[in-house]
Amino acid sequence: MTFAIEDLELFLLILVRITAFIIVAPFFSLKNVPQRVKVGFSLFFAIIIFQTMPVLTLNYQGVIGFATLIISESLVGIIIGFFANVSYYILSFAGQMMDMEMGFSMVNELDPVSHFQSTISSNYYSYFIMLMMLVTNLHHYFIVALVDTYKIIPIGGINLRPNMYILILQFMKDYFIIGFRIVLPVFAAILIVNAILAILAKVAPQLNMFVIGLQLKVLVGLSVLFLLTGFIPVVSNLIFNEMMYMMKAAIEALS
């Protein structure tokens, strides 16, 4: 491997984009991954891309121009990684809706993906989807997509368009549609339980439906979650398709 001092600027710009992506991208941004591993992977990945990229001539004026290039490259990595990772928040929304119906909404845990306090069902789906990502090698897709950004968005060629808000609006629509599709089985089961409890409250007013309802909702909710375990690949497919769509849309918006 040959490395000239004149190529240091190009290598640093490549490293900035990769590091910014690793910080916010799905799977790579987990707090469980040591910082040394992230830095080492970014450096190793940057060396590989630097050796395979054609020689580029950087055009900038002084320190301010080079700082502008660094900021633009960091924005490319952060925006692409963020739009790929933001689909994970659908699981948090769906899990909170489930636990609200089952009565688990007061129990919160730290979500290792979003780094926020979330409910039990949110973590349940989050761990399963992360496992499915590793099994299906979706993290390889993210790496390949990041490499392809250097062909679509060359160094210093970022184009921030004012209509990027449309991408956010599109995600918000998919956020609720996919979230409610995940919640629907549990919501339907709890709705049937509530209807049965309402009928029993009229037929047998002496029964304490509040106490019975709490236990029955937990039992039915956990039973439905157990039955839905076989549909985890379907849920992961919804999330993965949204991730890939948002990542492609972000790259197109910056090109």
Protein backbone atom coordinates (compact mmCIF):
# COMPACT_ATOMS: atom_id res chain seq x y z
CA MET A 1 0.00 0.00 0.00
CA THR A 2 1.40 3.38 -1.04
CA PHE A 3 0.38 6.60 0.65
CA ALA A 4 1.56 10.06 -0.33
CA ILE A 5 1.32 13.03 1.97
CA GLU A 6 -0.65 14.85 -0.73
CA ASP A 7 -3.41 12.26 -0.38
CA LEU A 8 -3.85 12.87 3.35
CA GLU A 9 -6.61 15.42 2.79
CA LEU A 10 -8.61 13.00 0.64
CA PHE A 11 -8.17 10.22 3.18
CA LEU A 12 -9.36 12.45 6.03
CA LEU A 13 -12.50 13.41 4.11
CA ILE A 14 -13.27 9.74 3.45
CA LEU A 15 -12.72 8.96 7.12
CA VAL A 16 -15.06 11.78 8.19
CA ARG A 17 -17.99 10.49 6.12
CA ILE A 18 -17.53 6.91 7.30
CA THR A 19 -17.14 7.88 10.96
CA ALA A 20 -20.24 10.09 10.85
CA PHE A 21 -22.22 7.21 9.35
CA ILE A 22 -20.98 4.68 11.92
CA ILE A 23 -21.98 6.97 14.79
CA VAL A 24 -25.68 7.07 13.84
CA ALA A 25 -26.23 4.01 11.60
CA PRO A 26 -28.28 0.97 12.71
CA PHE A 27 -26.34 -1.79 14.49
CA PHE A 28 -23.04 0.10 14.28
CA SER A 29 -24.20 2.85 16.67
CA LEU A 30 -25.05 0.49 19.54
CA LYS A 31 -23.57 1.49 22.88
CA ASN A 32 -22.63 -2.14 23.43
CA VAL A 33 -20.05 -1.79 20.67
CA PRO A 34 -16.82 -0.38 22.19
CA GLN A 35 -15.64 2.99 20.91
CA ARG A 36 -12.27 1.51 19.95
CA VAL A 37 -14.02 -1.00 17.71
CA LYS A 38 -15.98 1.78 15.98
CA VAL A 39 -12.86 3.89 15.46
CA GLY A 40 -10.84 0.90 14.26
CA PHE A 41 -13.55 -0.22 11.86
CA SER A 42 -13.95 3.32 10.47
CA LEU A 43 -10.19 3.64 9.96
CA PHE A 44 -9.85 0.21 8.34
CA PHE A 45 -12.87 0.82 6.12
CA ALA A 46 -11.55 4.25 5.08
CA ILE A 47 -8.21 2.73 4.06
CA ILE A 48 -9.97 0.17 1.85
CA ILE A 49 -12.13 2.80 0.15
CA PHE A 50 -9.15 5.11 -0.29
CA GLN A 51 -7.22 2.38 -2.10
CA THR A 52 -10.12 1.56 -4.43
CA MET A 53 -11.26 5.10 -5.25
CA PRO A 54 -9.93 6.93 -8.30
CA VAL A 55 -7.61 9.85 -7.68
CA LEU A 56 -9.58 13.05 -7.05
CA THR A 57 -8.44 16.65 -7.16
CA LEU A 58 -9.84 18.65 -4.26
CA ASN A 59 -10.76 22.25 -5.02
CA TYR A 60 -10.99 24.53 -2.00
CA GLN A 61 -9.68 27.86 -0.80
CA GLY A 62 -7.69 27.90 2.42
CA VAL A 63 -8.62 26.53 5.82
CA ILE A 64 -12.24 27.69 5.58
CA GLY A 65 -12.72 25.81 2.32
CA PHE A 66 -11.29 22.61 3.77
CA ALA A 67 -13.44 23.00 6.89
CA THR A 68 -16.48 23.36 4.63
CA LEU A 69 -15.56 20.07 2.93
CA ILE A 70 -15.28 18.34 6.32
CA ILE A 71 -18.68 19.67 7.41
CA SER A 72 -20.29 18.60 4.14
CA GLU A 73 -18.85 15.08 4.38
CA SER A 74 -19.97 14.73 7.98
CA LEU A 75 -23.47 15.86 6.97
CA VAL A 76 -23.61 13.21 4.26
CA GLY A 77 -22.72 10.44 6.71
CA ILE A 78 -25.01 11.70 9.48
CA ILE A 79 -28.05 12.25 7.24
CA ILE A 80 -27.79 8.86 5.50
CA GLY A 81 -27.20 7.02 8.78
CA PHE A 82 -29.99 8.88 10.55
CA PHE A 83 -32.60 8.14 7.90
CA ALA A 84 -31.61 4.47 7.98
CA ASN A 85 -31.76 4.32 11.78
CA VAL A 86 -34.95 6.34 12.28
CA SER A 87 -37.10 3.37 11.21
CA TYR A 88 -36.27 1.71 14.53
CA TYR A 89 -38.50 4.22 16.30
CA ILE A 90 -41.49 2.48 14.70
CA LEU A 91 -40.83 -0.45 17.03
CA SER A 92 -40.81 1.86 20.04
CA PHE A 93 -44.16 3.33 19.01
CA ALA A 94 -45.69 -0.11 18.39
CA GLY A 95 -44.36 -1.49 21.68
CA GLN A 96 -45.74 1.41 23.69
CA MET A 97 -49.16 0.97 22.11
CA MET A 98 -49.12 -2.75 22.92
CA ASP A 99 -48.08 -2.23 26.53
CA MET A 100 -50.68 0.48 26.97
CA GLU A 101 -53.36 -2.06 26.03
CA MET A 102 -51.87 -4.87 28.16
CA GLY A 103 -51.14 -2.72 31.21
CA PHE A 104 -47.32 -2.72 30.98
CA SER A 105 -46.94 0.94 30.04
CA MET A 106 -45.54 1.86 33.49
CA VAL A 107 -42.63 -0.59 33.16
CA ASN A 108 -39.74 1.04 31.28
CA GLU A 109 -36.32 -0.24 30.26
CA LEU A 110 -33.38 1.24 28.38
CA ASP A 111 -33.65 0.53 24.67
CA PRO A 112 -30.13 -0.28 23.41
CA VAL A 113 -30.98 0.93 19.90
CA SER A 114 -32.74 4.27 20.50
CA HIS A 115 -30.93 4.94 23.83
CA PHE A 116 -34.23 6.01 25.41
CA GLN A 117 -36.48 4.52 28.06
CA SER A 118 -38.96 2.22 26.36
CA THR A 119 -41.47 -0.43 27.35
CA ILE A 120 -41.01 -4.19 27.54
CA SER A 121 -42.63 -4.95 24.19
CA SER A 122 -40.48 -2.30 22.51
CA ASN A 123 -37.30 -3.98 23.74
CA TYR A 124 -38.74 -7.37 22.82
CA TYR A 125 -39.18 -6.36 19.20
CA SER A 126 -35.97 -4.33 19.16
CA TYR A 127 -33.80 -7.30 20.14
CA PHE A 128 -35.57 -9.61 17.70
CA ILE A 129 -35.23 -7.17 14.79
CA MET A 130 -31.56 -6.64 15.60
CA LEU A 131 -31.04 -10.40 15.58
CA MET A 132 -32.85 -10.68 12.24
CA MET A 133 -30.61 -7.94 10.87
CA LEU A 134 -27.53 -9.99 11.69
CA VAL A 135 -29.05 -13.19 10.33
CA THR A 136 -30.08 -11.58 7.03
CA ASN A 137 -26.78 -9.64 6.67
CA LEU A 138 -28.60 -6.33 6.37
CA HIS A 139 -25.59 -4.61 7.92
CA HIS A 140 -23.66 -5.68 4.81
CA TYR A 141 -26.24 -3.80 2.76
CA PHE A 142 -25.53 -0.64 4.76
CA ILE A 143 -21.80 -0.99 4.13
CA VAL A 144 -22.30 -1.52 0.38
CA ALA A 145 -24.70 1.44 0.24
CA LEU A 146 -22.16 3.65 2.00
CA VAL A 147 -19.49 2.67 -0.54
CA ASP A 148 -21.88 3.45 -3.40
CA THR A 149 -22.48 6.95 -2.04
CA TYR A 150 -18.99 7.90 -3.24
CA LYS A 151 -20.17 7.24 -6.80
CA ILE A 152 -23.46 9.11 -6.42
CA ILE A 153 -22.29 11.84 -4.04
CA PRO A 154 -18.59 12.54 -4.71
CA ILE A 155 -16.48 14.20 -2.07
CA GLY A 156 -17.55 17.80 -1.78
CA GLY A 157 -20.54 17.19 -4.06
CA ILE A 158 -23.33 17.34 -1.48
CA ASN A 159 -26.50 19.05 -2.65
CA LEU A 160 -28.83 19.95 0.21
CA ARG A 161 -32.24 20.42 -1.36
CA PRO A 162 -34.95 22.48 0.35
CA ASN A 163 -37.59 19.82 -0.31
CA MET A 164 -36.00 17.31 2.07
CA TYR A 165 -38.91 17.92 4.44
CA ILE A 166 -41.04 15.83 2.07
CA LEU A 167 -38.91 12.84 3.05
CA ILE A 168 -39.74 13.48 6.71
CA LEU A 169 -43.45 13.71 5.93
CA GLN A 170 -43.30 10.45 4.00
CA PHE A 171 -41.64 8.76 6.96
CA MET A 172 -44.24 10.10 9.39
CA LYS A 173 -46.97 8.52 7.26
CA ASP A 174 -45.15 5.18 7.14
CA TYR A 175 -44.39 5.53 10.87
CA PHE A 176 -48.06 5.30 11.83
CA ILE A 177 -49.08 2.84 9.11
CA ILE A 178 -46.37 0.27 9.92
CA GLY A 179 -46.71 0.85 13.67
CA PHE A 180 -50.45 0.17 13.68
CA ARG A 181 -49.97 -2.89 11.47
CA ILE A 182 -47.66 -4.32 14.14
CA VAL A 183 -50.02 -3.39 16.99
CA LEU A 184 -53.22 -4.59 15.29
CA PRO A 185 -53.26 -8.25 16.54
CA VAL A 186 -52.79 -7.26 20.19
CA PHE A 187 -55.19 -4.35 19.85
CA ALA A 188 -57.89 -6.60 18.33
CA ALA A 189 -57.46 -9.24 21.06
CA ILE A 190 -57.69 -6.68 23.88
CA LEU A 191 -60.71 -5.10 22.20
CA ILE A 192 -62.49 -8.47 22.28
CA VAL A 193 -61.54 -8.89 25.95
CA ASN A 194 -62.94 -5.43 26.77
CA ALA A 195 -66.18 -6.29 24.99
CA ILE A 196 -66.49 -9.55 26.96
CA LEU A 197 -65.77 -7.77 30.24
CA ALA A 198 -68.41 -5.14 29.44
CA ILE A 199 -71.01 -7.86 28.83
CA LEU A 200 -70.04 -9.66 32.05
CA ALA A 201 -70.28 -6.39 33.98
CA LYS A 202 -73.92 -6.08 32.90
CA VAL A 203 -74.75 -9.75 33.45
CA ALA A 204 -72.98 -10.14 36.81
CA PRO A 205 -72.57 -6.69 38.45
CA GLN A 206 -71.33 -8.28 41.69
CA LEU A 207 -68.08 -9.36 40.03
CA ASN A 208 -65.11 -7.00 40.27
CA MET A 209 -64.33 -6.60 36.57
CA PHE A 210 -61.47 -4.19 37.25
CA VAL A 211 -59.41 -6.84 39.04
CA ILE A 212 -60.40 -9.57 36.60
CA GLY A 213 -59.73 -7.32 33.61
CA LEU A 214 -56.17 -6.46 34.65
CA GLN A 215 -55.16 -10.10 34.95
CA LEU A 216 -57.08 -11.19 31.87
CA LYS A 217 -55.54 -8.46 29.67
CA VAL A 218 -52.03 -9.44 30.74
CA LEU A 219 -52.73 -13.12 30.05
CA VAL A 220 -54.30 -12.48 26.64
CA GLY A 221 -51.64 -9.95 25.65
CA LEU A 222 -48.74 -12.26 26.49
CA SER A 223 -50.49 -15.15 24.74
CA VAL A 224 -50.92 -13.09 21.57
CA LEU A 225 -47.27 -11.98 21.72
CA PHE A 226 -46.24 -15.61 22.02
CA LEU A 227 -48.34 -16.53 18.99
CA LEU A 228 -46.91 -13.58 17.06
CA THR A 229 -43.35 -14.84 17.53
CA GLY A 230 -43.68 -16.77 14.28
CA PHE A 231 -44.49 -13.50 12.48
CA ILE A 232 -41.29 -11.76 13.59
CA PRO A 233 -39.81 -12.17 10.05
CA VAL A 234 -42.84 -10.33 8.66
CA VAL A 235 -42.32 -7.44 11.10
CA SER A 236 -38.60 -7.35 10.36
CA ASN A 237 -39.36 -7.28 6.63
CA LEU A 238 -41.55 -4.20 7.13
CA ILE A 239 -38.83 -2.43 9.12
CA PHE A 240 -36.01 -3.44 6.77
CA ASN A 241 -37.90 -2.31 3.68
CA GLU A 242 -38.54 1.04 5.35
CA MET A 243 -34.85 1.32 6.27
CA MET A 244 -33.71 0.64 2.72
CA TYR A 245 -36.31 3.00 1.26
CA MET A 246 -35.38 5.85 3.58
CA MET A 247 -31.67 5.31 2.97
CA LYS A 248 -32.12 5.36 -0.82
CA ALA A 249 -34.33 8.44 -0.60
CA ALA A 250 -31.75 10.24 1.56
CA ILE A 251 -28.96 9.45 -0.93
CA GLU A 252 -31.10 10.68 -3.83
CA ALA A 253 -31.96 13.86 -1.90
CA LEU A 254 -28.26 14.62 -1.34
CA SER A 255 -27.08 13.81 -4.87
